[in-house]
Amino acid sequence: MSTRVRKTNTEQKILDAAAELFHRHGLRGVGIDQVIAESGVAKSTLYVHFRTKEDLIAAYIRRTDDSWMSQLQAAAQRAGDSPREQLVGLFDALLDAFARHGFFGCPFISVAVEASADTEAHANAVSHTRRRQEWLRELCRGAAADDPDALAEQLDLLIDGALASGRLLQERHVVDSAKAAARSLVDCHTKAS
């Protein structure tokens, strides 16, 4: 049991260091030696947990998927019980992220740009996008949207657009604008209840 805890703690330490570096420098801009130095583990220890840099990136994207979905869902829940309010409130997760550390952009878009389409990391990024879209569709159905699929797709594009534009401009108003656009879309696609 203690070996598993130690392994898990070491994996977390490596993933935390890698995440910070990937945020700052992009996936291609980070070498394994940087991750080793930042995490403080031996090279052999890193390779026990992650055989290749691609394995490390895939694990980082899996962990980010869980974390980001939790943040979006928590922001939606804070907006109230109404799916209409939750569809708008979820954008507060982007505002929270900006308040914590500015915009680093979307790691899933980064993977789409920087990783080959045949990698596990790319597959994990696609899986995240599909998971987020399905969650949005469920909220849109709960909000009695006239076309839940269309509204979910539009809101999903607003999320990605806000993250990409926020990365470029480093200005909070980008998310404020995306949230206002989300409110308009939700109002147009749903009946007030």
C-alpha atoms as a PDB file:
ATOM      1  CA  MET A   1       0.000   0.000   0.000  1.00  0.00           C
ATOM      2  CA  SER A   2       2.732   2.499   0.919  1.00  0.00           C
ATOM      3  CA  THR A   3       4.511   1.715  -2.358  1.00  0.00           C
ATOM      4  CA  ARG A   4       1.331   2.652  -4.271  1.00  0.00           C
ATOM      5  CA  VAL A   5       0.947   5.874  -2.261  1.00  0.00           C
ATOM      6  CA  ARG A   6       4.587   6.765  -2.942  1.00  0.00           C
ATOM      7  CA  LYS A   7       4.104   5.978  -6.648  1.00  0.00           C
ATOM      8  CA  THR A   8       0.950   8.087  -6.776  1.00  0.00           C
ATOM      9  CA  ASN A   9       2.637  10.996  -4.958  1.00  0.00           C
ATOM     10  CA  THR A  10       5.606  10.830  -7.305  1.00  0.00           C
ATOM     11  CA  GLU A  11       3.323  10.719 -10.350  1.00  0.00           C
ATOM     12  CA  GLN A  12       1.456  13.761  -9.012  1.00  0.00           C
ATOM     13  CA  LYS A  13       4.732  15.604  -8.450  1.00  0.00           C
ATOM     14  CA  ILE A  14       5.854  14.875 -12.020  1.00  0.00           C
ATOM     15  CA  LEU A  15       2.450  15.793 -13.490  1.00  0.00           C
ATOM     16  CA  ASP A  16       2.295  19.026 -11.463  1.00  0.00           C
ATOM     17  CA  ALA A  17       5.718  20.065 -12.735  1.00  0.00           C
ATOM     18  CA  ALA A  18       4.877  19.071 -16.304  1.00  0.00           C
ATOM     19  CA  ALA A  19       1.559  20.945 -16.209  1.00  0.00           C
ATOM     20  CA  GLU A  20       3.230  24.150 -15.073  1.00  0.00           C
ATOM     21  CA  LEU A  21       5.884  23.856 -17.773  1.00  0.00           C
ATOM     22  CA  PHE A  22       3.368  22.939 -20.511  1.00  0.00           C
ATOM     23  CA  HIS A  23       1.251  25.960 -19.541  1.00  0.00           C
ATOM     24  CA  ARG A  24       4.202  28.324 -19.780  1.00  0.00           C
ATOM     25  CA  HIS A  25       6.074  26.900 -22.760  1.00  0.00           C
ATOM     26  CA  GLY A  26       3.695  24.672 -24.720  1.00  0.00           C
ATOM     27  CA  LEU A  27       4.004  20.945 -25.234  1.00  0.00           C
ATOM     28  CA  ARG A  28       6.797  21.075 -27.781  1.00  0.00           C
ATOM     29  CA  GLY A  29       8.683  23.738 -25.849  1.00  0.00           C
ATOM     30  CA  VAL A  30       9.268  21.458 -22.852  1.00  0.00           C
ATOM     31  CA  GLY A  31      11.894  18.758 -22.702  1.00  0.00           C
ATOM     32  CA  ILE A  32      12.009  15.782 -20.359  1.00  0.00           C
ATOM     33  CA  ASP A  33      15.099  17.225 -18.660  1.00  0.00           C
ATOM     34  CA  GLN A  34      13.087  20.328 -17.724  1.00  0.00           C
ATOM     35  CA  VAL A  35      10.353  18.173 -16.202  1.00  0.00           C
ATOM     36  CA  ILE A  36      12.972  16.213 -14.258  1.00  0.00           C
ATOM     37  CA  ALA A  37      14.592  19.402 -12.955  1.00  0.00           C
ATOM     38  CA  GLU A  38      11.276  21.047 -12.070  1.00  0.00           C
ATOM     39  CA  SER A  39       9.853  17.962 -10.347  1.00  0.00           C
ATOM     40  CA  GLY A  40      13.066  17.070  -8.522  1.00  0.00           C
ATOM     41  CA  VAL A  41      12.887  13.392  -9.443  1.00  0.00           C
ATOM     42  CA  ALA A  42      15.591  11.259 -10.966  1.00  0.00           C
ATOM     43  CA  LYS A  43      15.463  10.512 -14.676  1.00  0.00           C
ATOM     44  CA  SER A  44      14.982   6.817 -13.942  1.00  0.00           C
ATOM     45  CA  THR A  45      12.062   7.651 -11.635  1.00  0.00           C
ATOM     46  CA  LEU A  46      10.343   9.690 -14.319  1.00  0.00           C
ATOM     47  CA  TYR A  47      10.741   6.849 -16.808  1.00  0.00           C
ATOM     48  CA  VAL A  48       9.293   4.336 -14.325  1.00  0.00           C
ATOM     49  CA  HIS A  49       6.079   6.384 -14.347  1.00  0.00           C
ATOM     50  CA  PHE A  50       6.094   7.646 -17.940  1.00  0.00           C
ATOM     51  CA  ARG A  51       7.988   5.669 -20.585  1.00  0.00           C
ATOM     52  CA  THR A  52       7.948   8.549 -23.092  1.00  0.00           C
ATOM     53  CA  LYS A  53       7.162  12.228 -23.283  1.00  0.00           C
ATOM     54  CA  GLU A  54       4.020  11.243 -25.213  1.00  0.00           C
ATOM     55  CA  ASP A  55       2.915   9.106 -22.242  1.00  0.00           C
ATOM     56  CA  LEU A  56       3.481  12.078 -19.938  1.00  0.00           C
ATOM     57  CA  ILE A  57       1.464  14.386 -22.201  1.00  0.00           C
ATOM     58  CA  ALA A  58      -1.363  11.832 -22.432  1.00  0.00           C
ATOM     59  CA  ALA A  59      -1.512  11.556 -18.625  1.00  0.00           C
ATOM     60  CA  TYR A  60      -1.426  15.354 -18.298  1.00  0.00           C
ATOM     61  CA  ILE A  61      -4.382  15.682 -20.693  1.00  0.00           C
ATOM     62  CA  ARG A  62      -6.353  12.957 -18.854  1.00  0.00           C
ATOM     63  CA  ARG A  63      -5.798  14.736 -15.549  1.00  0.00           C
ATOM     64  CA  THR A  64      -6.638  18.115 -17.074  1.00  0.00           C
ATOM     65  CA  ASP A  65      -9.862  16.691 -18.509  1.00  0.00           C
ATOM     66  CA  ASP A  66     -11.035  15.624 -15.052  1.00  0.00           C
ATOM     67  CA  SER A  67      -9.975  18.895 -13.449  1.00  0.00           C
ATOM     68  CA  TRP A  68     -11.458  21.165 -16.113  1.00  0.00           C
ATOM     69  CA  MET A  69     -14.776  19.307 -16.249  1.00  0.00           C
ATOM     70  CA  SER A  70     -15.003  19.557 -12.452  1.00  0.00           C
ATOM     71  CA  GLN A  71     -14.354  23.292 -12.607  1.00  0.00           C
ATOM     72  CA  LEU A  72     -16.980  23.833 -15.319  1.00  0.00           C
ATOM     73  CA  GLN A  73     -19.549  21.727 -13.472  1.00  0.00           C
ATOM     74  CA  ALA A  74     -18.854  23.469 -10.147  1.00  0.00           C
ATOM     75  CA  ALA A  75     -19.281  26.901 -11.753  1.00  0.00           C
ATOM     76  CA  ALA A  76     -22.536  25.742 -13.345  1.00  0.00           C
ATOM     77  CA  GLN A  77     -23.822  24.437 -10.005  1.00  0.00           C
ATOM     78  CA  ARG A  78     -22.961  27.718  -8.258  1.00  0.00           C
ATOM     79  CA  ALA A  79     -25.225  29.488 -10.765  1.00  0.00           C
ATOM     80  CA  GLY A  80     -28.275  27.713  -9.324  1.00  0.00           C
ATOM     81  CA  ASP A  81     -30.610  24.826 -10.029  1.00  0.00           C
ATOM     82  CA  SER A  82     -31.915  26.073 -13.377  1.00  0.00           C
ATOM     83  CA  PRO A  83     -30.147  24.529 -16.397  1.00  0.00           C
ATOM     84  CA  ARG A  84     -30.647  27.891 -18.168  1.00  0.00           C
ATOM     85  CA  GLU A  85     -28.600  29.638 -15.460  1.00  0.00           C
ATOM     86  CA  GLN A  86     -26.067  26.819 -15.353  1.00  0.00           C
ATOM     87  CA  LEU A  87     -25.405  27.156 -19.097  1.00  0.00           C
ATOM     88  CA  VAL A  88     -24.392  30.777 -18.507  1.00  0.00           C
ATOM     89  CA  GLY A  89     -22.830  30.264 -15.089  1.00  0.00           C
ATOM     90  CA  LEU A  90     -20.350  27.709 -16.355  1.00  0.00           C
ATOM     91  CA  PHE A  91     -18.430  30.595 -17.951  1.00  0.00           C
ATOM     92  CA  ASP A  92     -17.473  31.659 -14.430  1.00  0.00           C
ATOM     93  CA  ALA A  93     -14.991  28.760 -14.497  1.00  0.00           C
ATOM     94  CA  LEU A  94     -13.095  30.675 -17.193  1.00  0.00           C
ATOM     95  CA  LEU A  95     -13.189  33.824 -15.065  1.00  0.00           C
ATOM     96  CA  ASP A  96     -11.931  31.831 -12.073  1.00  0.00           C
ATOM     97  CA  ALA A  97      -9.065  30.427 -14.153  1.00  0.00           C
ATOM     98  CA  PHE A  98      -8.107  33.902 -15.323  1.00  0.00           C
ATOM     99  CA  ALA A  99      -8.201  35.230 -11.750  1.00  0.00           C
ATOM    100  CA  ARG A 100      -5.873  32.404 -10.607  1.00  0.00           C
ATOM    101  CA  HIS A 101      -3.128  32.717 -13.188  1.00  0.00           C
ATOM    102  CA  GLY A 102      -4.160  34.547 -16.334  1.00  0.00           C
ATOM    103  CA  PHE A 103      -4.993  32.650 -19.495  1.00  0.00           C
ATOM    104  CA  PHE A 104      -2.636  29.909 -20.559  1.00  0.00           C
ATOM    105  CA  GLY A 105      -5.001  28.935 -23.335  1.00  0.00           C
ATOM    106  CA  CYS A 106      -6.699  25.609 -23.765  1.00  0.00           C
ATOM    107  CA  PRO A 107      -4.490  22.547 -23.291  1.00  0.00           C
ATOM    108  CA  PHE A 108      -6.844  20.517 -25.487  1.00  0.00           C
ATOM    109  CA  ILE A 109      -6.435  22.946 -28.378  1.00  0.00           C
ATOM    110  CA  SER A 110      -2.675  22.891 -27.751  1.00  0.00           C
ATOM    111  CA  VAL A 111      -2.687  19.112 -28.097  1.00  0.00           C
ATOM    112  CA  ALA A 112      -4.713  19.373 -31.299  1.00  0.00           C
ATOM    113  CA  VAL A 113      -2.086  21.725 -32.696  1.00  0.00           C
ATOM    114  CA  GLU A 114       1.077  20.188 -31.264  1.00  0.00           C
ATOM    115  CA  ALA A 115       0.458  16.429 -31.034  1.00  0.00           C
ATOM    116  CA  SER A 116       0.058  14.010 -33.898  1.00  0.00           C
ATOM    117  CA  ALA A 117      -3.471  12.827 -34.554  1.00  0.00           C
ATOM    118  CA  ASP A 118      -2.444   9.215 -33.904  1.00  0.00           C
ATOM    119  CA  THR A 119      -1.268   9.795 -30.315  1.00  0.00           C
ATOM    120  CA  GLU A 120      -3.001   8.935 -27.062  1.00  0.00           C
ATOM    121  CA  ALA A 121      -2.773  12.606 -26.036  1.00  0.00           C
ATOM    122  CA  HIS A 122      -4.724  13.634 -29.132  1.00  0.00           C
ATOM    123  CA  ALA A 123      -7.314  10.914 -28.477  1.00  0.00           C
ATOM    124  CA  ASN A 124      -7.628  12.142 -24.869  1.00  0.00           C
ATOM    125  CA  ALA A 125      -8.182  15.717 -26.077  1.00  0.00           C
ATOM    126  CA  VAL A 126     -10.890  14.548 -28.487  1.00  0.00           C
ATOM    127  CA  SER A 127     -12.463  12.521 -25.676  1.00  0.00           C
ATOM    128  CA  HIS A 128     -12.529  15.624 -23.462  1.00  0.00           C
ATOM    129  CA  THR A 129     -14.221  17.661 -26.176  1.00  0.00           C
ATOM    130  CA  ARG A 130     -16.875  14.985 -26.724  1.00  0.00           C
ATOM    131  CA  ARG A 131     -17.409  14.632 -22.968  1.00  0.00           C
ATOM    132  CA  ARG A 132     -17.844  18.387 -22.569  1.00  0.00           C
ATOM    133  CA  GLN A 133     -20.201  18.539 -25.561  1.00  0.00           C
ATOM    134  CA  GLU A 134     -22.362  15.738 -24.157  1.00  0.00           C
ATOM    135  CA  TRP A 135     -22.567  17.485 -20.789  1.00  0.00           C
ATOM    136  CA  LEU A 136     -23.592  20.718 -22.541  1.00  0.00           C
ATOM    137  CA  ARG A 137     -26.242  18.820 -24.559  1.00  0.00           C
ATOM    138  CA  GLU A 138     -27.668  17.401 -21.317  1.00  0.00           C
ATOM    139  CA  LEU A 139     -27.890  20.897 -19.831  1.00  0.00           C
ATOM    140  CA  CYS A 140     -29.469  22.201 -23.038  1.00  0.00           C
ATOM    141  CA  ARG A 141     -32.079  19.430 -22.961  1.00  0.00           C
ATOM    142  CA  GLY A 142     -32.722  20.240 -19.295  1.00  0.00           C
ATOM    143  CA  ALA A 143     -33.214  23.883 -20.268  1.00  0.00           C
ATOM    144  CA  ALA A 144     -35.794  22.800 -22.880  1.00  0.00           C
ATOM    145  CA  ALA A 145     -33.735  24.259 -25.728  1.00  0.00           C
ATOM    146  CA  ASP A 146     -35.519  24.157 -29.076  1.00  0.00           C
ATOM    147  CA  ASP A 147     -32.395  22.557 -30.620  1.00  0.00           C
ATOM    148  CA  PRO A 148     -30.176  21.219 -27.805  1.00  0.00           C
ATOM    149  CA  ASP A 149     -27.470  19.989 -30.177  1.00  0.00           C
ATOM    150  CA  ALA A 150     -27.117  23.359 -31.909  1.00  0.00           C
ATOM    151  CA  LEU A 151     -27.096  25.323 -28.656  1.00  0.00           C
ATOM    152  CA  ALA A 152     -24.542  22.966 -27.085  1.00  0.00           C
ATOM    153  CA  GLU A 153     -22.281  23.293 -30.123  1.00  0.00           C
ATOM    154  CA  GLN A 154     -22.536  27.085 -30.064  1.00  0.00           C
ATOM    155  CA  LEU A 155     -21.758  27.266 -26.345  1.00  0.00           C
ATOM    156  CA  ASP A 156     -18.860  24.858 -26.800  1.00  0.00           C
ATOM    157  CA  LEU A 157     -17.425  27.123 -29.499  1.00  0.00           C
ATOM    158  CA  LEU A 158     -17.787  30.109 -27.171  1.00  0.00           C
ATOM    159  CA  ILE A 159     -15.773  28.283 -24.501  1.00  0.00           C
ATOM    160  CA  ASP A 160     -12.966  27.423 -26.910  1.00  0.00           C
ATOM    161  CA  GLY A 161     -13.042  30.874 -28.478  1.00  0.00           C
ATOM    162  CA  ALA A 162     -12.849  32.604 -25.105  1.00  0.00           C
ATOM    163  CA  LEU A 163      -9.897  30.453 -24.066  1.00  0.00           C
ATOM    164  CA  ALA A 164      -8.039  31.056 -27.328  1.00  0.00           C
ATOM    165  CA  SER A 165      -8.746  34.789 -27.452  1.00  0.00           C
ATOM    166  CA  GLY A 166      -8.069  35.129 -23.735  1.00  0.00           C
ATOM    167  CA  ARG A 167      -4.662  33.533 -24.264  1.00  0.00           C
ATOM    168  CA  LEU A 168      -3.853  35.971 -27.021  1.00  0.00           C
ATOM    169  CA  LEU A 169      -5.141  39.166 -25.386  1.00  0.00           C
ATOM    170  CA  GLN A 170      -4.774  38.315 -21.664  1.00  0.00           C
ATOM    171  CA  GLU A 171      -7.893  40.376 -20.951  1.00  0.00           C
ATOM    172  CA  ARG A 172     -10.797  39.356 -18.742  1.00  0.00           C
ATOM    173  CA  HIS A 173     -13.356  41.130 -20.927  1.00  0.00           C
ATOM    174  CA  VAL A 174     -13.008  38.306 -23.465  1.00  0.00           C
ATOM    175  CA  VAL A 175     -14.745  35.931 -21.041  1.00  0.00           C
ATOM    176  CA  ASP A 176     -17.239  38.598 -20.015  1.00  0.00           C
ATOM    177  CA  SER A 177     -18.161  38.919 -23.705  1.00  0.00           C
ATOM    178  CA  ALA A 178     -18.401  35.142 -24.132  1.00  0.00           C
ATOM    179  CA  LYS A 179     -20.648  34.917 -21.065  1.00  0.00           C
ATOM    180  CA  ALA A 180     -22.895  37.689 -22.423  1.00  0.00           C
ATOM    181  CA  ALA A 181     -23.079  35.884 -25.762  1.00  0.00           C
ATOM    182  CA  ALA A 182     -23.946  32.667 -23.915  1.00  0.00           C
ATOM    183  CA  ARG A 183     -26.788  34.474 -22.142  1.00  0.00           C
ATOM    184  CA  SER A 184     -28.142  35.693 -25.514  1.00  0.00           C
ATOM    185  CA  LEU A 185     -27.899  32.219 -27.061  1.00  0.00           C
ATOM    186  CA  VAL A 186     -29.606  30.569 -24.104  1.00  0.00           C
ATOM    187  CA  ASP A 187     -32.378  33.186 -24.167  1.00  0.00           C
ATOM    188  CA  CYS A 188     -32.879  32.705 -27.910  1.00  0.00           C
ATOM    189  CA  HIS A 189     -32.972  28.893 -27.697  1.00  0.00           C
ATOM    190  CA  THR A 190     -35.051  28.449 -24.545  1.00  0.00           C
ATOM    191  CA  LYS A 191     -38.278  29.629 -23.076  1.00  0.00           C
ATOM    192  CA  ALA A 192     -38.061  31.414 -19.735  1.00  0.00           C
ATOM    193  CA  SER A 193     -39.344  29.156 -16.986  1.00  0.00           C
END
